[in-house]
Protein backbone atom coordinates (compact mmCIF):
# COMPACT_ATOMS: atom_id res chain seq x y z
CA VAL A 1 26.20 90.97 115.71
CA THR A 2 26.38 94.59 114.59
CA VAL A 3 27.66 97.30 116.92
CA GLY A 4 27.48 101.06 116.43
CA PRO A 5 25.33 104.18 116.47
CA GLU A 6 23.25 103.09 113.49
CA VAL A 7 19.51 102.75 114.06
CA HIS A 8 19.47 99.08 113.09
CA ALA A 9 22.63 97.99 114.94
CA ASP A 10 22.13 95.09 117.36
CA LEU A 11 24.08 96.89 120.10
CA ALA A 12 24.41 100.62 120.75
CA ILE A 13 25.84 102.39 123.80
CA ARG A 14 23.47 105.20 124.81
CA SER A 15 25.36 106.54 127.82
CA LEU A 16 28.46 105.72 129.84
CA GLN A 17 29.05 107.04 133.34
CA GLN A 18 31.99 106.49 135.69
CA GLU A 19 30.71 106.24 139.27
CA PRO A 20 32.63 105.82 142.56
CA ASP A 21 31.71 102.13 142.72
CA GLY A 22 32.33 101.32 139.07
CA ILE A 23 31.14 101.87 135.52
CA ALA A 24 27.48 102.23 134.45
CA VAL A 25 26.49 101.78 130.81
CA GLU A 26 23.07 102.19 129.25
CA ILE A 27 22.73 100.17 126.06
CA THR A 28 20.16 99.23 123.49
CA TRP A 29 20.31 95.56 122.54
CA ARG A 30 18.07 94.34 119.75
CA GLY A 31 15.41 96.93 120.48
CA GLN A 32 15.50 96.67 124.29
CA THR A 33 17.21 99.06 126.71
CA TYR A 34 19.40 97.71 129.52
CA MET A 35 21.55 99.24 132.26
CA LEU A 36 24.85 97.43 132.82
CA LYS A 37 27.01 97.98 135.90
CA ALA A 38 30.37 96.51 136.87
CA PRO A 39 32.94 97.32 139.61
CA LEU A 40 35.48 98.33 136.95
CA PHE A 41 37.04 101.70 136.17
CA GLY A 42 37.82 103.52 132.94
CA ASP A 43 35.55 104.32 130.00
CA HIS A 44 37.15 101.52 127.98
CA GLN A 45 35.74 99.02 130.48
CA GLY A 46 32.25 100.31 129.75
CA ARG A 47 32.68 99.42 126.11
CA ASN A 48 34.14 96.05 127.10
CA ILE A 49 31.18 95.06 129.27
CA ALA A 50 28.72 96.15 126.59
CA LEU A 51 30.44 93.87 124.09
CA ALA A 52 30.62 91.05 126.65
CA PHE A 53 26.87 91.41 127.24
CA ALA A 54 26.18 91.19 123.51
CA ALA A 55 28.42 88.15 123.08
CA ALA A 56 26.82 86.33 126.01
CA CYS A 57 23.28 87.04 124.85
CA SER A 58 24.17 85.97 121.31
CA VAL A 59 25.01 82.46 122.51
CA GLY A 60 21.77 82.09 124.44
CA LEU A 61 22.31 83.52 127.91
CA VAL A 62 19.42 85.41 129.51
CA PRO A 63 20.04 89.18 129.69
CA ALA A 64 19.06 89.38 133.38
CA ASP A 65 21.61 86.68 134.25
CA VAL A 66 24.37 88.46 132.31
CA ILE A 67 23.57 91.75 134.05
CA ALA A 68 23.77 90.05 137.45
CA SER A 69 27.10 88.42 136.60
CA LEU A 70 28.64 91.70 135.45
CA ARG A 71 28.03 93.20 138.90
CA SER A 72 30.66 90.85 140.36
CA THR A 73 33.27 91.18 137.61
CA PRO A 74 36.75 91.12 139.22
CA GLN A 75 39.15 94.00 138.69
CA ILE A 76 42.34 93.42 136.70
CA ALA A 77 45.49 93.73 138.80
CA HIS A 78 47.53 96.91 138.22
CA ARG A 79 45.28 98.11 135.40
CA LEU A 80 43.28 101.00 136.85
CA GLU A 81 42.63 98.81 139.90
CA VAL A 82 40.94 100.70 142.75
CA LYS A 83 42.05 99.64 146.24
CA ARG A 84 40.33 101.13 149.27
CA GLN A 85 42.75 101.13 152.20
CA GLY A 86 41.84 100.59 155.84
CA SER A 87 43.06 104.11 156.60
CA GLY A 88 40.45 105.57 154.25
CA THR A 89 42.96 106.40 151.52
CA ILE A 90 41.97 105.27 148.03
CA LEU A 91 44.74 103.86 145.80
CA ILE A 92 44.32 103.72 142.03
CA ASP A 93 46.87 101.16 140.86
CA ASP A 94 47.57 101.72 137.16
CA ALA A 95 51.16 100.59 137.46
CA TYR A 96 51.29 97.94 134.74
CA ASN A 97 51.91 100.35 131.88
CA SER A 98 50.81 103.72 130.53
CA ASN A 99 49.94 105.51 127.32
CA PRO A 100 48.55 108.99 126.62
CA VAL A 101 44.90 107.90 126.33
CA GLY A 102 44.98 105.66 129.39
CA PHE A 103 46.86 108.27 131.43
CA ALA A 104 44.20 110.88 130.66
CA SER A 105 41.41 108.48 131.66
CA ALA A 106 43.16 107.68 134.94
CA LEU A 107 43.48 111.39 135.77
CA GLU A 108 39.74 111.86 135.32
CA LEU A 109 39.11 109.02 137.76
CA LEU A 110 40.85 111.03 140.50
CA ASP A 111 37.97 113.51 140.41
CA VAL A 112 35.36 110.76 140.64
CA LEU A 113 36.97 109.05 143.65
CA LYS A 114 38.25 112.04 145.62
CA PRO A 115 36.70 112.10 149.13
CA ALA A 116 35.51 115.42 150.53
CA GLY A 117 38.45 117.36 151.93
CA GLY A 118 41.03 115.04 150.42
CA ARG A 119 43.85 115.56 147.94
CA ARG A 120 44.36 114.08 144.50
CA ILE A 121 47.93 112.79 144.37
CA LEU A 122 49.66 111.56 141.21
CA VAL A 123 52.76 109.36 141.47
CA THR A 124 54.39 108.74 138.10
CA PRO A 125 57.70 108.35 136.27
CA GLY A 126 55.91 109.19 133.03
CA MET A 127 55.48 107.12 129.90
CA VAL A 128 58.02 105.26 127.77
CA GLU A 129 58.43 104.29 124.13
CA LEU A 130 56.88 107.48 122.76
CA GLY A 131 59.84 108.23 120.51
CA ALA A 132 59.90 111.74 119.10
CA ALA A 133 56.56 112.48 120.79
CA HIS A 134 58.01 112.05 124.30
CA ARG A 135 58.21 115.74 125.19
CA GLU A 136 54.99 116.78 123.47
CA GLU A 137 52.89 114.03 125.05
CA HIS A 138 54.34 114.59 128.51
CA GLU A 139 53.72 118.32 128.29
CA ARG A 140 50.12 117.68 127.24
CA ILE A 141 49.59 115.28 130.14
CA GLY A 142 51.22 117.77 132.52
CA ARG A 143 48.75 120.47 131.52
CA LEU A 144 45.86 118.04 131.88
CA ALA A 145 47.13 116.89 135.27
CA ALA A 146 47.00 120.49 136.48
CA THR A 147 43.19 120.28 136.28
CA HIS A 148 42.93 116.95 138.14
CA VAL A 149 45.90 116.75 140.56
CA ASP A 150 46.69 118.56 143.82
CA VAL A 151 50.17 117.06 144.40
CA LEU A 152 52.51 115.63 141.75
CA VAL A 153 55.11 113.11 142.94
CA ALA A 154 57.59 112.99 140.05
CA VAL A 155 59.53 109.70 140.07
CA ALA A 156 62.83 109.81 138.15
CA PRO A 157 62.40 113.57 137.64
CA GLN A 158 64.91 113.76 134.79
CA ARG A 159 62.64 111.48 132.74
CA VAL A 160 59.39 113.19 133.65
CA GLU A 161 60.70 116.77 133.50
CA PRO A 162 58.44 117.88 130.59
CA LEU A 163 55.36 116.69 132.48
CA ALA A 164 56.43 118.29 135.76
CA ALA A 165 57.35 121.59 134.09
CA ALA A 166 54.01 121.80 132.25
CA PHE A 167 52.14 120.94 135.46
CA LYS A 168 53.99 123.62 137.42
CA ALA A 169 53.44 126.23 134.72
CA ALA A 170 49.69 125.55 134.66
CA ALA A 171 49.27 125.20 138.44
CA PRO A 172 52.16 127.08 140.11
CA GLU A 173 50.54 126.91 143.55
CA ARG A 174 50.50 123.09 143.60
CA PRO A 175 53.54 121.18 144.88
CA VAL A 176 55.80 118.96 142.80
CA VAL A 177 57.71 116.38 144.88
CA PRO A 178 60.77 114.94 143.06
CA CYS A 179 61.73 111.37 144.03
CA ALA A 180 64.67 109.37 142.70
CA GLY A 181 62.64 106.15 142.60
CA PHE A 182 59.51 104.44 143.84
CA ALA A 183 61.07 103.54 147.20
CA GLU A 184 61.52 107.23 147.94
CA ALA A 185 58.03 107.98 146.65
CA ARG A 186 56.54 105.35 148.97
CA GLN A 187 58.39 106.88 151.91
CA TRP A 188 56.92 110.28 151.07
CA LEU A 189 53.43 108.78 150.86
CA ASP A 190 53.86 107.00 154.20
CA ARG A 191 54.77 110.30 155.85
CA ASN A 192 52.20 112.53 154.19
CA LEU A 193 49.00 110.66 153.35
CA ASN A 194 45.79 111.16 155.27
CA GLY A 195 42.55 109.20 155.19
CA GLN A 196 40.85 111.54 152.72
CA ASP A 197 43.46 111.31 149.95
CA VAL A 198 43.20 109.47 146.64
CA VAL A 199 46.48 108.37 145.04
CA LEU A 200 47.06 107.40 141.41
CA ILE A 201 50.12 105.24 140.73
CA GLU A 202 50.53 105.69 136.98
CA ASN A 203 53.13 103.33 135.50
CA ASP A 204 56.14 101.88 137.29
CA LEU A 205 57.71 100.23 134.23
CA PRO A 206 60.30 102.97 133.61
CA ASP A 207 62.14 101.91 136.78
CA LEU A 208 63.44 99.03 134.67
CA TYR A 209 64.80 101.48 132.12
CA GLU A 210 66.87 103.25 134.77
CA ARG A 211 68.68 100.17 136.11
CA PRO A 212 72.18 99.29 134.85
CA LEU A 213 72.25 96.29 132.54
CA ARG A 214 74.05 93.33 134.09
CA LEU A 215 74.93 90.24 132.07
């Protein structure tokens, strides 16, 4: 199976659109055009379902059956998992881990899912294991967040200071809420959320890095 933009490739992605109920991907497969949809979030998932479609068809499955199956694909826990709460609030759970590319994709999802009149709230302790790029990458994400986020809840503010400072510089009118840990952040959310808000939890791994080592 060949994949790519070439004219004679077996599989080519023609368009990829993130919608409120999931990802929609238009593909060309061996000369035929298909629209694939799945209740998954993030552009990377669009590429994944296109490849899954090609693999399934290559072993003999009928395209219509594959398309139908993709519509009920389960989300992956804590990896850009969208949870619609009974209160109306939408939670984007991307707590498993974080990296610069994934963080940027998650921020864009806030715009897609934001209800009318609601706020886009980011809760994050930042990213880890970036080495010498820690400050630069957090500053870049902070500037990007200023275009997608209405309220920044900065968990472990000493770690995420470059992100928070860049966010505040780019959007001085938007609040930054410092919280010592996720317990405090959850308390703030419990007190302040309304049914029109969408909340992104981006990475909770760094909590482990802040705990004293006990042997």
